[in-house]
Protein backbone atom coordinates (compact mmCIF):
# COMPACT_ATOMS: atom_id res chain seq x y z
CA MET A 1 112.21 157.95 111.26
CA SER A 2 111.66 161.55 113.12
CA TYR A 3 110.02 162.20 116.36
CA THR A 4 107.90 165.22 117.07
CA ARG A 5 108.71 167.69 119.89
CA MET A 6 106.18 165.83 122.45
CA SER A 7 107.65 162.05 121.66
CA LYS A 8 111.24 162.99 121.96
CA LEU A 9 113.04 161.11 124.85
CA LYS A 10 114.12 163.29 127.56
CA VAL A 11 117.45 162.40 128.54
CA GLY A 12 119.95 163.44 131.41
CA ALA A 13 123.48 164.21 131.21
CA LEU A 14 124.18 160.58 131.58
CA GLU A 15 122.06 157.77 130.27
CA LEU A 16 122.24 154.17 129.80
CA CYS A 17 122.12 152.81 126.24
CA ASP A 18 122.40 149.40 124.06
CA LEU A 19 124.46 148.92 121.21
CA PRO A 20 122.79 145.44 120.05
CA GLU A 21 125.13 145.10 116.70
CA LEU A 22 127.76 145.38 118.93
CA GLY A 23 126.67 143.13 121.68
CA ILE A 24 126.54 145.93 124.06
CA GLU A 25 123.97 146.40 126.58
CA LYS A 26 123.92 149.07 129.48
CA LEU A 27 126.56 151.29 128.46
CA HIS A 28 126.84 154.28 130.66
CA VAL A 29 127.03 156.97 128.08
CA ARG A 30 127.91 160.88 128.61
CA VAL A 31 125.53 162.98 126.74
CA ASP A 32 127.35 166.01 125.14
CA THR A 33 125.50 168.78 123.16
CA GLY A 34 128.80 170.46 122.53
CA ALA A 35 130.03 167.60 120.54
CA ALA A 36 128.72 167.06 117.00
CA THR A 37 129.81 163.52 116.49
CA SER A 38 129.59 160.50 119.04
CA SER A 39 132.58 158.47 120.20
CA LEU A 40 133.11 154.97 121.44
CA HIS A 41 136.15 153.82 123.26
CA VAL A 42 137.90 150.72 121.56
CA ASP A 43 141.05 149.32 121.39
CA ASN A 44 143.41 147.24 118.98
CA ILE A 45 141.55 149.06 115.86
CA GLU A 46 142.53 147.08 112.55
CA GLU A 47 141.43 148.23 108.86
CA PHE A 48 141.16 145.78 106.02
CA ASN A 49 139.16 145.02 103.03
CA LYS A 50 136.76 142.33 102.17
CA GLY A 51 135.02 141.90 98.96
CA GLY A 52 136.41 145.36 98.13
CA LYS A 53 134.71 147.34 100.93
CA GLY A 54 136.48 148.63 104.08
CA TYR A 55 135.94 146.78 107.40
CA VAL A 56 137.02 147.64 110.77
CA SER A 57 138.01 145.04 113.70
CA PHE A 58 138.05 146.63 117.11
CA ASP A 59 138.12 145.38 120.73
CA LEU A 60 135.38 146.79 122.99
CA HIS A 61 135.21 146.98 126.92
CA PRO A 62 131.37 146.14 127.52
CA ASP A 63 131.56 146.54 131.28
CA ILE A 64 133.52 149.58 132.42
CA HIS A 65 134.18 148.05 135.90
CA ASN A 66 136.14 145.03 134.58
CA VAL A 67 138.20 145.83 131.76
CA ASP A 68 139.39 142.40 131.23
CA SER A 69 136.00 141.61 129.91
CA VAL A 70 136.52 142.30 126.24
CA ILE A 71 134.56 141.81 122.67
CA ARG A 72 136.35 141.42 119.52
CA THR A 73 133.76 142.86 116.81
CA THR A 74 133.96 143.78 113.01
CA ALA A 75 131.84 146.45 111.31
CA PRO A 76 132.04 148.23 107.81
CA VAL A 77 133.80 151.29 107.61
CA GLU A 78 131.50 154.41 106.66
CA GLY A 79 134.40 156.75 106.49
CA THR A 80 136.64 158.80 108.29
CA LYS A 81 136.64 162.05 110.07
CA THR A 82 139.00 164.50 111.65
CA VAL A 83 137.73 165.39 115.17
CA LYS A 84 139.13 168.45 117.09
CA SER A 85 139.09 168.05 120.79
CA SER A 86 138.53 170.77 123.17
CA SER A 87 142.19 171.40 123.82
CA ALA A 88 142.23 171.97 119.86
CA ASP A 89 144.20 168.49 119.17
CA THR A 90 143.24 166.98 115.89
CA GLU A 91 142.55 163.16 115.33
CA LYS A 92 141.53 161.12 112.47
CA ARG A 93 139.17 158.36 113.18
CA VAL A 94 137.28 155.56 111.61
CA VAL A 95 133.53 156.15 111.32
CA ILE A 96 130.85 153.14 111.67
CA THR A 97 127.19 152.95 111.56
CA THR A 98 125.18 151.08 114.45
CA THR A 99 122.12 150.69 116.05
CA ILE A 100 121.61 152.66 119.23
CA ARG A 101 118.86 151.74 122.02
CA LEU A 102 117.69 153.78 124.39
CA ALA A 103 114.20 153.53 126.31
CA GLY A 104 113.22 150.78 123.70
CA ARG A 105 113.62 153.09 121.05
CA GLU A 106 116.18 152.40 118.32
CA TRP A 107 117.80 154.33 115.21
CA PRO A 108 120.96 154.20 113.73
CA ILE A 109 124.13 156.49 114.50
CA LYS A 110 127.33 157.27 113.74
CA LEU A 111 130.26 156.59 116.04
CA THR A 112 133.98 157.47 115.73
CA LEU A 113 136.23 154.85 117.39
CA THR A 114 138.85 156.09 119.76
CA ASP A 115 140.99 155.46 122.62
CA ARG A 116 139.01 157.11 125.22
CA SER A 117 140.66 155.43 128.37
CA GLU A 118 141.66 158.63 129.61
CA MET A 119 137.85 159.53 129.93
CA THR A 120 135.38 158.42 132.54
CA TYR A 121 133.00 157.29 130.05
CA MET A 122 133.11 154.56 127.47
CA MET A 123 130.98 156.55 125.19
CA LEU A 124 130.15 160.26 124.45
CA MET A 125 126.71 160.78 122.53
CA GLY A 126 126.98 163.80 120.54
CA ARG A 127 124.38 166.00 118.81
CA GLU A 128 124.20 164.09 115.55
CA ALA A 129 122.84 160.96 117.18
CA MET A 130 120.45 163.10 119.15
CA GLU A 131 118.93 165.20 116.59
CA GLY A 132 115.41 164.76 116.32
CA LYS A 133 115.45 161.71 118.66
CA VAL A 134 115.78 163.34 122.48
CA VAL A 135 115.87 166.71 124.38
CA VAL A 136 118.69 167.09 127.38
CA ASP A 137 117.82 168.27 130.39
CA PRO A 138 121.63 168.56 131.85
CA GLU A 139 120.32 168.88 135.43
CA PHE A 140 119.33 165.35 135.78
CA GLU A 141 121.42 161.76 135.31
CA TYR A 142 119.87 158.62 134.11
CA LEU A 143 116.01 159.67 133.25
CA LEU A 144 115.22 156.86 131.31
CA ASN A 145 115.18 153.38 132.44
CA ASP A 146 115.09 150.06 130.87
CA ALA A 147 111.74 149.68 129.62
CA ASP A 148 109.87 153.34 129.65
CA PHE A 149 110.55 156.48 131.23
CA ASP A 150 108.24 159.05 133.34
CA ASP A 151 108.86 162.59 134.29
CA ASP A 152 108.40 161.35 137.98
CA ASP A 153 111.24 159.14 137.90
CA TYR A 154 114.00 162.02 137.94
CA MET A 155 117.18 161.75 139.83
CA PRO A 156 119.05 164.58 140.83
CA ALA A 157 122.51 164.84 139.06
CA HIS A 158 125.39 163.25 141.19
CA GLY A 159 127.98 165.73 139.96
CA GLY A 160 130.04 163.11 138.84
CA GLU A 161 133.27 163.72 136.70
CA GLU A 162 133.42 165.88 133.97
CA GLU A 163 135.42 165.34 130.38
C-alpha cells in the first residue's frame, strides 16, 4: 500500500517502532536517509534449510538497556546482500522480511541482520523501508507516539550520539 504525500508519517531522526513478527516492541530506531537498507542488531546467526527453504535463527535484544534480555527467533531467508559501510568496508549480510509498525501503521520491510553492538541503536531504518510511507524531519526526534501523531507534539532533538 502506498501513501499519498499528505498521508505519509512525519518522523524524526529517532523513533520507536515495533517489529511484531519478531516479538519486539518500542525499539529505538535511527532513521537514516543516507542508508539504502535497514539493519537490525542480532547475535548468534545460524543459517539452515528446512523443507528445501533457507532459514536463519538469531538472538535479539529487545531492550537496549538490558542486554541480558534475549529472544531467540527464526525467519525465512530472503537472500543476502553485500553492504558497504561509511568507512568503505563491505560485509555480506542475510536479508529477512518482517513487518514494521509505526504509529499504528504496518508494512513489510527488508532487514539485513548484522552485529551493531558498536552502534548506539539496535536498528537503522534506511530509505527502502521508508519509501512511500514516511517523510523525515531530522531536526526532531520521536515525533510519533504509540497511538498517533500530531504536529503540535514535536520534541526538539537532544543532540544524541551519531553513527
